[in-house]
């Protein structure tokens, strides 16, 4: 049994470590100078988990939204925790991105694709470890059965 109130009044401070940059010449994560040493050895991995803040959806109204009709299943009503909507109580989003190149000195991390818009604040990066990030015998609802088993490296072309 938790001793937390129904509405917890604790606050957390997060500061961006960089920004998503989308351009014709490619997608990249621009990491701010103080965090660039944290990129060491990231280039040895094939993928990176990018945690980002959906700042364009950060309003009290959208934070209070608890249900939606996802665009990929408009005939269903789901709770926010049962979908990947960018509006959430805390608009923290996650994308697994194929790494193309990592430059620790300039702080540029080139990626194949990301489902975030240009200028989106990056909260954190985590190296993708298949043993930790995959779940054996995972399943999704029947109404999502037409989704592919794996996301293509080039992404799904949202933006």
Protein backbone atom coordinates (compact mmCIF):
# COMPACT_ATOMS: atom_id res chain seq x y z
CA UNK A 1 0.00 0.00 0.00
CA UNK A 2 1.44 3.35 -1.01
CA UNK A 3 1.47 6.27 1.37
CA UNK A 4 1.47 8.80 -1.50
CA UNK A 5 -1.49 11.08 -1.91
CA UNK A 6 -3.73 10.58 -4.93
CA UNK A 7 -2.26 13.78 -6.35
CA UNK A 8 1.41 13.80 -5.46
CA UNK A 9 2.82 17.31 -5.11
CA UNK A 10 6.49 16.35 -5.53
CA UNK A 11 8.30 17.99 -8.42
CA UNK A 12 11.29 16.92 -10.44
CA UNK A 13 13.69 19.17 -12.29
CA UNK A 14 14.85 18.08 -15.74
CA UNK A 15 17.07 20.06 -18.02
CA UNK A 16 17.53 19.30 -21.71
CA UNK A 17 20.82 17.73 -22.72
CA UNK A 18 20.34 18.77 -26.34
CA UNK A 19 17.84 19.04 -29.19
CA UNK A 20 16.54 17.01 -32.10
CA UNK A 21 17.60 18.47 -35.44
CA UNK A 22 15.79 17.44 -38.60
CA UNK A 23 17.15 18.58 -41.94
CA UNK A 24 17.28 17.47 -45.56
CA UNK A 25 20.84 16.27 -45.05
CA UNK A 26 19.73 13.96 -42.22
CA UNK A 27 18.46 13.68 -38.69
CA UNK A 28 20.67 14.27 -35.72
CA UNK A 29 20.73 14.83 -32.01
CA UNK A 30 22.70 17.94 -31.07
CA UNK A 31 24.08 17.34 -27.59
CA UNK A 32 24.98 20.35 -25.46
CA UNK A 33 28.68 20.80 -24.63
CA UNK A 34 28.62 19.86 -20.92
CA UNK A 35 27.10 16.45 -21.79
CA UNK A 36 29.36 15.52 -24.71
CA UNK A 37 31.80 13.43 -22.64
CA UNK A 38 28.82 11.15 -21.89
CA UNK A 39 28.82 10.13 -25.58
CA UNK A 40 32.07 8.17 -25.16
CA UNK A 41 31.71 4.62 -26.57
CA UNK A 42 28.09 5.20 -27.72
CA UNK A 43 29.38 4.74 -31.28
CA UNK A 44 30.00 1.05 -30.47
CA UNK A 45 26.24 0.43 -30.32
CA UNK A 46 23.85 0.02 -33.26
CA UNK A 47 20.93 1.84 -31.64
CA UNK A 48 20.22 4.45 -28.99
CA UNK A 49 17.13 5.11 -26.88
CA UNK A 50 16.25 8.79 -27.02
CA UNK A 51 14.07 10.18 -24.24
CA UNK A 52 12.55 13.47 -25.29
CA UNK A 53 10.08 16.01 -23.97
CA UNK A 54 6.99 16.60 -26.13
CA UNK A 55 7.16 20.32 -25.40
CA UNK A 56 4.54 21.26 -28.02
CA UNK A 57 2.04 19.14 -26.08
CA UNK A 58 2.99 20.39 -22.65
CA UNK A 59 -0.18 22.16 -21.55
CA UNK A 60 -2.34 21.64 -18.47
CA UNK A 61 -5.22 20.63 -20.74
CA UNK A 62 -3.22 17.94 -22.54
CA UNK A 63 -1.57 16.74 -19.31
CA UNK A 64 -5.08 16.17 -17.91
CA UNK A 65 -6.22 14.11 -20.92
CA UNK A 66 -6.46 10.48 -19.80
CA UNK A 67 -8.09 8.82 -22.82
CA UNK A 68 -7.87 9.15 -26.59
CA UNK A 69 -8.65 7.62 -29.96
CA UNK A 70 -5.19 6.75 -31.32
CA UNK A 71 -4.67 7.72 -34.98
CA UNK A 72 -3.64 4.13 -35.74
CA UNK A 73 -6.84 2.72 -34.16
CA UNK A 74 -9.46 5.45 -34.42
CA UNK A 75 -12.28 3.00 -33.71
CA UNK A 76 -10.84 2.35 -30.21
CA UNK A 77 -10.76 4.47 -27.08
CA UNK A 78 -7.65 3.80 -25.02
CA UNK A 79 -6.18 5.13 -21.85
CA UNK A 80 -3.11 7.30 -22.39
CA UNK A 81 -0.95 4.60 -20.77
CA UNK A 82 -2.16 2.10 -23.41
CA UNK A 83 -0.93 4.13 -26.37
CA UNK A 84 2.01 6.16 -27.59
CA UNK A 85 0.27 9.55 -27.63
CA UNK A 86 2.54 12.52 -27.01
CA UNK A 87 0.09 14.13 -24.59
CA UNK A 88 0.47 12.54 -21.17
CA UNK A 89 0.60 13.53 -17.50
CA UNK A 90 4.35 14.03 -18.10
CA UNK A 91 5.04 14.31 -21.84
CA UNK A 92 8.16 12.12 -21.79
CA UNK A 93 8.54 10.23 -25.04
CA UNK A 94 10.90 7.47 -26.10
CA UNK A 95 12.29 6.56 -29.52
CA UNK A 96 14.70 3.78 -30.40
CA UNK A 97 16.93 5.14 -33.17
CA UNK A 98 19.49 3.49 -35.41
CA UNK A 99 22.86 5.15 -34.88
CA UNK A 100 24.61 6.36 -38.02
CA UNK A 101 27.52 8.31 -36.49
CA UNK A 102 28.56 9.73 -33.12
CA UNK A 103 30.92 12.69 -32.81
CA UNK A 104 31.81 13.27 -29.17
CA UNK A 105 33.75 16.45 -29.94
CA UNK A 106 30.91 18.28 -31.75
CA UNK A 107 28.10 16.57 -29.85
CA UNK A 108 26.42 15.47 -33.07
CA UNK A 109 24.73 12.08 -33.02
CA UNK A 110 23.48 11.19 -36.49
CA UNK A 111 20.47 8.90 -36.49
CA UNK A 112 18.39 7.24 -39.20
CA UNK A 113 15.00 8.54 -38.01
CA UNK A 114 13.09 9.81 -34.98
CA UNK A 115 9.42 10.58 -34.39
CA UNK A 116 10.09 14.02 -32.91
CA UNK A 117 10.00 17.41 -34.59
CA UNK A 118 12.90 19.79 -35.14
CA UNK A 119 13.91 21.58 -31.94
CA UNK A 120 12.45 18.98 -29.58
CA UNK A 121 14.34 18.93 -26.26
CA UNK A 122 16.25 15.75 -25.47
CA UNK A 123 15.98 14.58 -21.85
CA UNK A 124 18.39 11.62 -21.94
CA UNK A 125 20.12 9.03 -24.12
CA UNK A 126 20.58 5.38 -23.28
CA UNK A 127 22.49 2.78 -25.26
CA UNK A 128 20.15 0.11 -26.61
CA UNK A 129 20.87 -3.28 -25.03
CA UNK A 130 18.74 -5.97 -26.71
CA UNK A 131 18.92 -8.20 -23.63
CA UNK A 132 17.37 -5.43 -21.49
CA UNK A 133 15.02 -3.70 -23.94
CA UNK A 134 13.27 -6.74 -25.45
CA UNK A 135 10.70 -8.84 -23.67
CA UNK A 136 10.26 -12.51 -24.45
CA UNK A 137 6.75 -13.47 -25.57
CA UNK A 138 5.55 -9.86 -25.72
CA UNK A 139 2.16 -9.28 -27.30
CA UNK A 140 -0.08 -6.40 -28.35
CA UNK A 141 -3.87 -6.15 -28.65
CA UNK A 142 -5.54 -7.85 -31.61
CA UNK A 143 -6.55 -4.47 -33.04
CA UNK A 144 -2.83 -3.71 -33.58
CA UNK A 145 -2.08 -7.04 -35.25
CA UNK A 146 -1.33 -5.42 -38.63
CA UNK A 147 1.69 -3.58 -37.19
CA UNK A 148 5.08 -4.95 -38.31
CA UNK A 149 7.15 -7.01 -35.90
CA UNK A 150 10.10 -4.63 -36.24
CA UNK A 151 10.30 -0.91 -36.94
CA UNK A 152 12.19 -0.27 -40.18
CA UNK A 153 15.57 1.43 -39.68
CA UNK A 154 14.38 4.41 -41.71
CA UNK A 155 11.46 4.88 -39.32
CA UNK A 156 7.82 5.08 -40.19
CA UNK A 157 7.83 8.43 -41.94
CA UNK A 158 5.77 10.43 -39.45
CA UNK A 159 7.48 13.74 -40.21
